[in-house]
Structures are given as structure tokens and as C-alpha cells.
Amino acid sequence: MQTLTLASIYELQGLKEEALDIYKKVLTKDPANSEAQIAIRRLSGMRKKFLGVNKEMKEFFIKMDDEAEFYQFERWLLKSWN
């Protein structure tokens, strides 16, 4: 099922192309979906400078198992988005 939630998860995991594809499908079904519109603009701009998945952080995300690691990952995400 192609949902905004799945697209967000892909985006957080660094799978930008997969997330962008889902956002586009959501927008096709619901052209007024502002969340999908914003995400597409955000990811389209990032695609130009995006060099690939940060494999180290992807593995860290998959293996996180305590609150301290969650906060470390959250800080990394905030730093990456700003």
C-alpha cells in the first residue's frame, strides 16, 4: 500500500527515490494533498545534491535498540535536514 507513512519511513531511511515515487503516486490519487506536494518539492530539490544512502546511518537506524541511540539518530536527522 502506497501511503504517506510508508513514504516518510523510506525518506527517514535514506531511500529518497522510493519515497519520491510514493509521494507522486499519492499526489496522482489526491492532487490537493499538500503533504505530498511539499515532500515532492523537498525531495526534488535534494535529489540534485543527494549522493546516495548514508549506509552507516541506515545500519545504525536498523539496529537502534535504546533511547540514547534514538536521540542520537534524531539529532543526526535534524542536522541533515537543516
PDB file of N, CA and C in Angstrom:
ATOM      1  N   MET A   1       0.843  -1.176   0.000  1.00  0.00           N
ATOM      2  CA  MET A   1       0.000   0.000   0.000  1.00  0.00           C
ATOM      3  C   MET A   1       0.891   1.242   0.000  1.00  0.00           C
ATOM      4  N   GLN A   2       0.654   2.132  -0.935  1.00  0.00           N
ATOM      5  CA  GLN A   2       1.434   3.351  -1.096  1.00  0.00           C
ATOM      6  C   GLN A   2       0.816   4.458  -0.238  1.00  0.00           C
ATOM      7  N   THR A   3       1.427   4.744   0.905  1.00  0.00           N
ATOM      8  CA  THR A   3       0.880   5.747   1.819  1.00  0.00           C
ATOM      9  C   THR A   3       1.941   6.783   2.172  1.00  0.00           C
ATOM     10  N   LEU A   4       1.474   7.900   2.714  1.00  0.00           N
ATOM     11  CA  LEU A   4       2.405   8.926   3.180  1.00  0.00           C
ATOM     12  C   LEU A   4       3.303   8.391   4.282  1.00  0.00           C
ATOM     13  N   THR A   5       2.752   7.525   5.117  1.00  0.00           N
ATOM     14  CA  THR A   5       3.546   6.947   6.206  1.00  0.00           C
ATOM     15  C   THR A   5       4.695   6.120   5.655  1.00  0.00           C
ATOM     16  N   LEU A   6       4.414   5.275   4.678  1.00  0.00           N
ATOM     17  CA  LEU A   6       5.466   4.463   4.074  1.00  0.00           C
ATOM     18  C   LEU A   6       6.510   5.351   3.405  1.00  0.00           C
ATOM     19  N   ALA A   7       6.053   6.381   2.709  1.00  0.00           N
ATOM     20  CA  ALA A   7       6.990   7.304   2.063  1.00  0.00           C
ATOM     21  C   ALA A   7       7.884   7.982   3.100  1.00  0.00           C
ATOM     22  N   SER A   8       7.298   8.378   4.221  1.00  0.00           N
ATOM     23  CA  SER A   8       8.074   9.016   5.293  1.00  0.00           C
ATOM     24  C   SER A   8       9.121   8.063   5.855  1.00  0.00           C
ATOM     25  N   ILE A   9       8.747   6.820   6.035  1.00  0.00           N
ATOM     26  CA  ILE A   9       9.695   5.812   6.540  1.00  0.00           C
ATOM     27  C   ILE A   9      10.842   5.645   5.560  1.00  0.00           C
ATOM     28  N   TYR A  10      10.523   5.527   4.272  1.00  0.00           N
ATOM     29  CA  TYR A  10      11.577   5.420   3.265  1.00  0.00           C
ATOM     30  C   TYR A  10      12.496   6.642   3.312  1.00  0.00           C
ATOM     31  N   GLU A  11      11.889   7.791   3.439  1.00  0.00           N
ATOM     32  CA  GLU A  11      12.673   9.024   3.471  1.00  0.00           C
ATOM     33  C   GLU A  11      13.620   9.031   4.668  1.00  0.00           C
ATOM     34  N   LEU A  12      13.119   8.632   5.827  1.00  0.00           N
ATOM     35  CA  LEU A  12      13.957   8.581   7.029  1.00  0.00           C
ATOM     36  C   LEU A  12      15.098   7.580   6.897  1.00  0.00           C
ATOM     37  N   GLN A  13      14.860   6.548   6.124  1.00  0.00           N
ATOM     38  CA  GLN A  13      15.896   5.531   5.926  1.00  0.00           C
ATOM     39  C   GLN A  13      16.880   5.917   4.827  1.00  0.00           C
ATOM     40  N   GLY A  14      16.652   7.059   4.213  1.00  0.00           N
ATOM     41  CA  GLY A  14      17.558   7.499   3.160  1.00  0.00           C
ATOM     42  C   GLY A  14      17.187   6.999   1.782  1.00  0.00           C
ATOM     43  N   LEU A  15      16.035   6.377   1.657  1.00  0.00           N
ATOM     44  CA  LEU A  15      15.582   5.838   0.372  1.00  0.00           C
ATOM     45  C   LEU A  15      14.740   6.901  -0.330  1.00  0.00           C
ATOM     46  N   LYS A  16      15.408   7.954  -0.769  1.00  0.00           N
ATOM     47  CA  LYS A  16      14.734   9.144  -1.299  1.00  0.00           C
ATOM     48  C   LYS A  16      13.968   8.862  -2.581  1.00  0.00           C
ATOM     49  N   GLU A  17      14.544   8.118  -3.494  1.00  0.00           N
ATOM     50  CA  GLU A  17      13.864   7.831  -4.762  1.00  0.00           C
ATOM     51  C   GLU A  17      12.573   7.048  -4.526  1.00  0.00           C
ATOM     52  N   GLU A  18      12.634   6.055  -3.641  1.00  0.00           N
ATOM     53  CA  GLU A  18      11.448   5.260  -3.334  1.00  0.00           C
ATOM     54  C   GLU A  18      10.363   6.124  -2.690  1.00  0.00           C
ATOM     55  N   ALA A  19      10.790   7.000  -1.771  1.00  0.00           N
ATOM     56  CA  ALA A  19       9.846   7.905  -1.113  1.00  0.00           C
ATOM     57  C   ALA A  19       9.217   8.846  -2.131  1.00  0.00           C
ATOM     58  N   LEU A  20      10.023   9.390  -3.012  1.00  0.00           N
ATOM     59  CA  LEU A  20       9.526  10.317  -4.023  1.00  0.00           C
ATOM     60  C   LEU A  20       8.504   9.639  -4.931  1.00  0.00           C
ATOM     61  N   ASP A  21       8.764   8.409  -5.317  1.00  0.00           N
ATOM     62  CA  ASP A  21       7.811   7.669  -6.150  1.00  0.00           C
ATOM     63  C   ASP A  21       6.463   7.521  -5.454  1.00  0.00           C
ATOM     64  N   ILE A  22       6.489   7.215  -4.176  1.00  0.00           N
ATOM     65  CA  ILE A  22       5.236   7.051  -3.427  1.00  0.00           C
ATOM     66  C   ILE A  22       4.514   8.388  -3.303  1.00  0.00           C
ATOM     67  N   TYR A  23       5.240   9.448  -2.970  1.00  0.00           N
ATOM     68  CA  TYR A  23       4.605  10.763  -2.866  1.00  0.00           C
ATOM     69  C   TYR A  23       3.933  11.144  -4.184  1.00  0.00           C
ATOM     70  N   LYS A  24       4.574  10.841  -5.302  1.00  0.00           N
ATOM     71  CA  LYS A  24       3.990  11.147  -6.616  1.00  0.00           C
ATOM     72  C   LYS A  24       2.711  10.339  -6.847  1.00  0.00           C
ATOM     73  N   LYS A  25       2.711   9.078  -6.430  1.00  0.00           N
ATOM     74  CA  LYS A  25       1.509   8.246  -6.574  1.00  0.00           C
ATOM     75  C   LYS A  25       0.376   8.770  -5.699  1.00  0.00           C
ATOM     76  N   VAL A  26       0.715   9.195  -4.484  1.00  0.00           N
ATOM     77  CA  VAL A  26      -0.293   9.770  -3.586  1.00  0.00           C
ATOM     78  C   VAL A  26      -0.879  11.022  -4.225  1.00  0.00           C
ATOM     79  N   LEU A  27      -0.019  11.849  -4.803  1.00  0.00           N
ATOM     80  CA  LEU A  27      -0.477  13.086  -5.423  1.00  0.00           C
ATOM     81  C   LEU A  27      -1.335  12.807  -6.663  1.00  0.00           C
ATOM     82  N   THR A  28      -1.045  11.735  -7.376  1.00  0.00           N
ATOM     83  CA  THR A  28      -1.865  11.366  -8.526  1.00  0.00           C
ATOM     84  C   THR A  28      -3.286  11.030  -8.090  1.00  0.00           C
ATOM     85  N   LYS A  29      -3.392  10.316  -6.972  1.00  0.00           N
ATOM     86  CA  LYS A  29      -4.708   9.939  -6.449  1.00  0.00           C
ATOM     87  C   LYS A  29      -5.418  11.113  -5.780  1.00  0.00           C
ATOM     88  N   ASP A  30      -4.646  12.010  -5.162  1.00  0.00           N
ATOM     89  CA  ASP A  30      -5.199  13.144  -4.427  1.00  0.00           C
ATOM     90  C   ASP A  30      -4.381  14.395  -4.749  1.00  0.00           C
ATOM     91  N   PRO A  31      -4.684  15.066  -5.870  1.00  0.00           N
ATOM     92  CA  PRO A  31      -3.888  16.223  -6.306  1.00  0.00           C
ATOM     93  C   PRO A  31      -3.839  17.381  -5.305  1.00  0.00           C
ATOM     94  N   ALA A  32      -4.756  17.423  -4.368  1.00  0.00           N
ATOM     95  CA  ALA A  32      -4.771  18.506  -3.387  1.00  0.00           C
ATOM     96  C   ALA A  32      -3.991  18.171  -2.116  1.00  0.00           C
ATOM     97  N   ASN A  33      -3.341  17.019  -2.075  1.00  0.00           N
ATOM     98  CA  ASN A  33      -2.633  16.585  -0.872  1.00  0.00           C
ATOM     99  C   ASN A  33      -1.392  17.453  -0.659  1.00  0.00           C
ATOM    100  N   SER A  34      -1.514  18.393   0.277  1.00  0.00           N
ATOM    101  CA  SER A  34      -0.426  19.351   0.494  1.00  0.00           C
ATOM    102  C   SER A  34       0.830  18.688   1.063  1.00  0.00           C
ATOM    103  N   GLU A  35       0.664  17.666   1.873  1.00  0.00           N
ATOM    104  CA  GLU A  35       1.838  16.982   2.439  1.00  0.00           C
ATOM    105  C   GLU A  35       2.670  16.330   1.333  1.00  0.00           C
ATOM    106  N   ALA A  36       2.013  15.701   0.385  1.00  0.00           N
ATOM    107  CA  ALA A  36       2.719  15.084  -0.743  1.00  0.00           C
ATOM    108  C   ALA A  36       3.365  16.153  -1.612  1.00  0.00           C
ATOM    109  N   GLN A  37       2.662  17.269  -1.842  1.00  0.00           N
ATOM    110  CA  GLN A  37       3.217  18.358  -2.648  1.00  0.00           C
ATOM    111  C   GLN A  37       4.504  18.908  -2.025  1.00  0.00           C
ATOM    112  N   ILE A  38       4.474  19.146  -0.730  1.00  0.00           N
ATOM    113  CA  ILE A  38       5.645  19.675  -0.016  1.00  0.00           C
ATOM    114  C   ILE A  38       6.800  18.681  -0.065  1.00  0.00           C
ATOM    115  N   ALA A  39       6.483  17.406   0.161  1.00  0.00           N
ATOM    116  CA  ALA A  39       7.522  16.372   0.156  1.00  0.00           C
ATOM    117  C   ALA A  39       8.175  16.254  -1.215  1.00  0.00           C
ATOM    118  N   ILE A  40       7.374  16.335  -2.263  1.00  0.00           N
ATOM    119  CA  ILE A  40       7.924  16.245  -3.622  1.00  0.00           C
ATOM    120  C   ILE A  40       8.857  17.422  -3.894  1.00  0.00           C
ATOM    121  N   ARG A  41       8.446  18.622  -3.501  1.00  0.00           N
ATOM    122  CA  ARG A  41       9.328  19.786  -3.689  1.00  0.00           C
ATOM    123  C   ARG A  41      10.621  19.618  -2.894  1.00  0.00           C
ATOM    124  N   ARG A  42      10.487  19.146  -1.659  1.00  0.00           N
ATOM    125  CA  ARG A  42      11.657  18.963  -0.798  1.00  0.00           C
ATOM    126  C   ARG A  42      12.613  17.931  -1.394  1.00  0.00           C
ATOM    127  N   LEU A  43      12.074  16.794  -1.784  1.00  0.00           N
ATOM    128  CA  LEU A  43      12.929  15.729  -2.306  1.00  0.00           C
ATOM    129  C   LEU A  43      13.462  16.047  -3.690  1.00  0.00           C
ATOM    130  N   SER A  44      12.701  16.738  -4.487  1.00  0.00           N
ATOM    131  CA  SER A  44      13.185  17.103  -5.822  1.00  0.00           C
ATOM    132  C   SER A  44      14.376  18.033  -5.711  1.00  0.00           C
ATOM    133  N   GLY A  45      14.345  18.943  -4.766  1.00  0.00           N
ATOM    134  CA  GLY A  45      15.475  19.832  -4.543  1.00  0.00           C
ATOM    135  C   GLY A  45      16.671  19.093  -4.000  1.00  0.00           C
ATOM    136  N   MET A  46      16.422  18.099  -3.155  1.00  0.00           N
ATOM    137  CA  MET A  46      17.513  17.345  -2.542  1.00  0.00           C
ATOM    138  C   MET A  46      18.155  16.387  -3.537  1.00  0.00           C
ATOM    139  N   ARG A  47      17.412  15.930  -4.516  1.00  0.00           N
ATOM    140  CA  ARG A  47      17.944  14.947  -5.461  1.00  0.00           C
ATOM    141  C   ARG A  47      19.190  15.462  -6.160  1.00  0.00           C
ATOM    142  N   LYS A  48      19.241  16.750  -6.406  1.00  0.00           N
ATOM    143  CA  LYS A  48      20.391  17.321  -7.096  1.00  0.00           C
ATOM    144  C   LYS A  48      21.673  17.189  -6.285  1.00  0.00           C
ATOM    145  N   LYS A  49      21.559  17.307  -4.967  1.00  0.00           N
ATOM    146  CA  LYS A  49      22.756  17.238  -4.133  1.00  0.00           C
ATOM    147  C   LYS A  49      22.884  15.908  -3.395  1.00  0.00           C
ATOM    148  N   PHE A  50      21.898  15.035  -3.561  1.00  0.00           N
ATOM    149  CA  PHE A  50      21.897  13.763  -2.845  1.00  0.00           C
ATOM    150  C   PHE A  50      22.814  12.767  -3.539  1.00  0.00           C
ATOM    151  N   LEU A  51      23.785  12.260  -2.826  1.00  0.00           N
ATOM    152  CA  LEU A  51      24.781  11.372  -3.422  1.00  0.00           C
ATOM    153  C   LEU A  51      24.522   9.901  -3.138  1.00  0.00           C
ATOM    154  N   GLY A  52      23.472   9.594  -2.412  1.00  0.00           N
ATOM    155  CA  GLY A  52      23.163   8.206  -2.108  1.00  0.00           C
ATOM    156  C   GLY A  52      22.797   8.010  -0.657  1.00  0.00           C
ATOM    157  N   VAL A  53      22.451   6.812  -0.340  1.00  0.00           N
ATOM    158  CA  VAL A  53      22.054   6.475   1.023  1.00  0.00           C
ATOM    159  C   VAL A  53      23.271   6.520   1.935  1.00  0.00           C
ATOM    160  N   ASN A  54      23.099   7.119   3.094  1.00  0.00           N
ATOM    161  CA  ASN A  54      24.147   7.092   4.094  1.00  0.00           C
ATOM    162  C   ASN A  54      24.080   5.703   4.736  1.00  0.00           C
ATOM    163  N   LYS A  55      24.870   4.797   4.221  1.00  0.00           N
ATOM    164  CA  LYS A  55      24.790   3.392   4.637  1.00  0.00           C
ATOM    165  C   LYS A  55      25.090   3.215   6.122  1.00  0.00           C
ATOM    166  N   GLU A  56      26.011   4.012   6.635  1.00  0.00           N
ATOM    167  CA  GLU A  56      26.354   3.912   8.057  1.00  0.00           C
ATOM    168  C   GLU A  56      25.141   4.258   8.924  1.00  0.00           C
ATOM    169  N   MET A  57      24.455   5.355   8.601  1.00  0.00           N
ATOM    170  CA  MET A  57      23.290   5.753   9.394  1.00  0.00           C
ATOM    171  C   MET A  57      22.102   4.823   9.146  1.00  0.00           C
ATOM    172  N   LYS A  58      22.006   4.275   7.960  1.00  0.00           N
ATOM    173  CA  LYS A  58      20.935   3.308   7.678  1.00  0.00           C
ATOM    174  C   LYS A  58      21.103   2.087   8.582  1.00  0.00           C
ATOM    175  N   GLU A  59      22.313   1.573   8.678  1.00  0.00           N
ATOM    176  CA  GLU A  59      22.577   0.418   9.543  1.00  0.00           C
ATOM    177  C   GLU A  59      22.340   0.779  11.005  1.00  0.00           C
ATOM    178  N   PHE A  60      22.757   1.969  11.393  1.00  0.00           N
ATOM    179  CA  PHE A  60      22.536   2.434  12.765  1.00  0.00           C
ATOM    180  C   PHE A  60      21.034   2.472  13.058  1.00  0.00           C
ATOM    181  N   PHE A  61      20.240   3.005  12.103  1.00  0.00           N
ATOM    182  CA  PHE A  61      18.790   3.096  12.256  1.00  0.00           C
ATOM    183  C   PHE A  61      18.176   1.704  12.426  1.00  0.00           C
ATOM    184  N   ILE A  62      18.603   0.775  11.626  1.00  0.00           N
ATOM    185  CA  ILE A  62      18.058  -0.586  11.667  1.00  0.00           C
ATOM    186  C   ILE A  62      18.368  -1.255  12.999  1.00  0.00           C
ATOM    187  N   LYS A  63      19.544  -0.990  13.547  1.00  0.00           N
ATOM    188  CA  LYS A  63      19.993  -1.687  14.755  1.00  0.00           C
ATOM    189  C   LYS A  63      19.738  -0.931  16.052  1.00  0.00           C
ATOM    190  N   MET A  64      19.145   0.261  15.985  1.00  0.00           N
ATOM    191  CA  MET A  64      18.892   1.037  17.208  1.00  0.00           C
ATOM    192  C   MET A  64      18.072   0.202  18.193  1.00  0.00           C
ATOM    193  N   ASP A  65      18.490   0.225  19.453  1.00  0.00           N
ATOM    194  CA  ASP A  65      17.716  -0.559  20.418  1.00  0.00           C
ATOM    195  C   ASP A  65      17.571   0.105  21.783  1.00  0.00           C
ATOM    196  N   ASP A  66      18.021   1.349  21.904  1.00  0.00           N
ATOM    197  CA  ASP A  66      17.775   2.024  23.171  1.00  0.00           C
ATOM    198  C   ASP A  66      17.487   3.512  22.931  1.00  0.00           C
ATOM    199  N   GLU A  67      17.010   4.162  23.951  1.00  0.00           N
ATOM    200  CA  GLU A  67      16.568   5.547  23.835  1.00  0.00           C
ATOM    201  C   GLU A  67      17.718   6.488  23.469  1.00  0.00           C
ATOM    202  N   ALA A  68      18.896   6.241  23.994  1.00  0.00           N
ATOM    203  CA  ALA A  68      20.043   7.095  23.700  1.00  0.00           C
ATOM    204  C   ALA A  68      20.381   7.048  22.204  1.00  0.00           C
ATOM    205  N   GLU A  69      20.318   5.869  21.617  1.00  0.00           N
ATOM    206  CA  GLU A  69      20.591   5.743  20.185  1.00  0.00           C
ATOM    207  C   GLU A  69      19.503   6.432  19.363  1.00  0.00           C
ATOM    208  N   PHE A  70      18.261   6.326  19.819  1.00  0.00           N
ATOM    209  CA  PHE A  70      17.165   7.009  19.131  1.00  0.00           C
ATOM    210  C   PHE A  70      17.425   8.509  19.104  1.00  0.00           C
ATOM    211  N   TYR A  71      17.808   9.093  20.242  1.00  0.00           N
ATOM    212  CA  TYR A  71      18.074  10.529  20.299  1.00  0.00           C
ATOM    213  C   TYR A  71      19.285  10.909  19.457  1.00  0.00           C
ATOM    214  N   GLN A  72      20.278  10.047  19.408  1.00  0.00           N
ATOM    215  CA  GLN A  72      21.444  10.314  18.568  1.00  0.00           C
ATOM    216  C   GLN A  72      21.025  10.354  17.098  1.00  0.00           C
ATOM    217  N   PHE A  73      20.203   9.397  16.690  1.00  0.00           N
ATOM    218  CA  PHE A  73      19.722   9.360  15.310  1.00  0.00           C
ATOM    219  C   PHE A  73      18.845  10.573  15.011  1.00  0.00           C
ATOM    220  N   GLU A  74      18.002  10.937  15.955  1.00  0.00           N
ATOM    221  CA  GLU A  74      17.127  12.097  15.785  1.00  0.00           C
ATOM    222  C   GLU A  74      17.948  13.372  15.582  1.00  0.00           C
ATOM    223  N   ARG A  75      19.016  13.535  16.366  1.00  0.00           N
ATOM    224  CA  ARG A  75      19.884  14.701  16.210  1.00  0.00           C
ATOM    225  C   ARG A  75      20.540  14.709  14.827  1.00  0.00           C
ATOM    226  N   TRP A  76      20.963  13.525  14.365  1.00  0.00           N
ATOM    227  CA  TRP A  76      21.561  13.423  13.046  1.00  0.00           C
ATOM    228  C   TRP A  76      20.546  13.833  11.971  1.00  0.00           C
ATOM    229  N   LEU A  77      19.297  13.377  12.110  1.00  0.00           N
ATOM    230  CA  LEU A  77      18.269  13.738  11.133  1.00  0.00           C
ATOM    231  C   LEU A  77      18.041  15.247  11.096  1.00  0.00           C
ATOM    232  N   LEU A  78      17.932  15.836  12.278  1.00  0.00           N
ATOM    233  CA  LEU A  78      17.707  17.279  12.340  1.00  0.00           C
ATOM    234  C   LEU A  78      18.859  18.042  11.693  1.00  0.00           C
ATOM    235  N   LYS A  79      20.064  17.578  11.957  1.00  0.00           N
ATOM    236  CA  LYS A  79      21.246  18.212  11.370  1.00  0.00           C
ATOM    237  C   LYS A  79      21.227  18.052   9.846  1.00  0.00           C
ATOM    238  N   SER A  80      20.803  16.886   9.371  1.00  0.00           N
ATOM    239  CA  SER A  80      20.770  16.611   7.933  1.00  0.00           C
ATOM    240  C   SER A  80      19.734  17.460   7.204  1.00  0.00           C
ATOM    241  N   TRP A  81      18.613  17.740   7.864  1.00  0.00           N
ATOM    242  CA  TRP A  81      17.531  18.475   7.233  1.00  0.00           C
ATOM    243  C   TRP A  81      17.739  19.977   7.276  1.00  0.00           C
ATOM    244  N   ASN A  82      18.608  20.432   8.147  1.00  0.00           N
ATOM    245  CA  ASN A  82      18.796  21.889   8.282  1.00  0.00           C
ATOM    246  C   ASN A  82      20.052  22.363   7.616  1.00  0.00           C
TER     247      ASN A  82
END
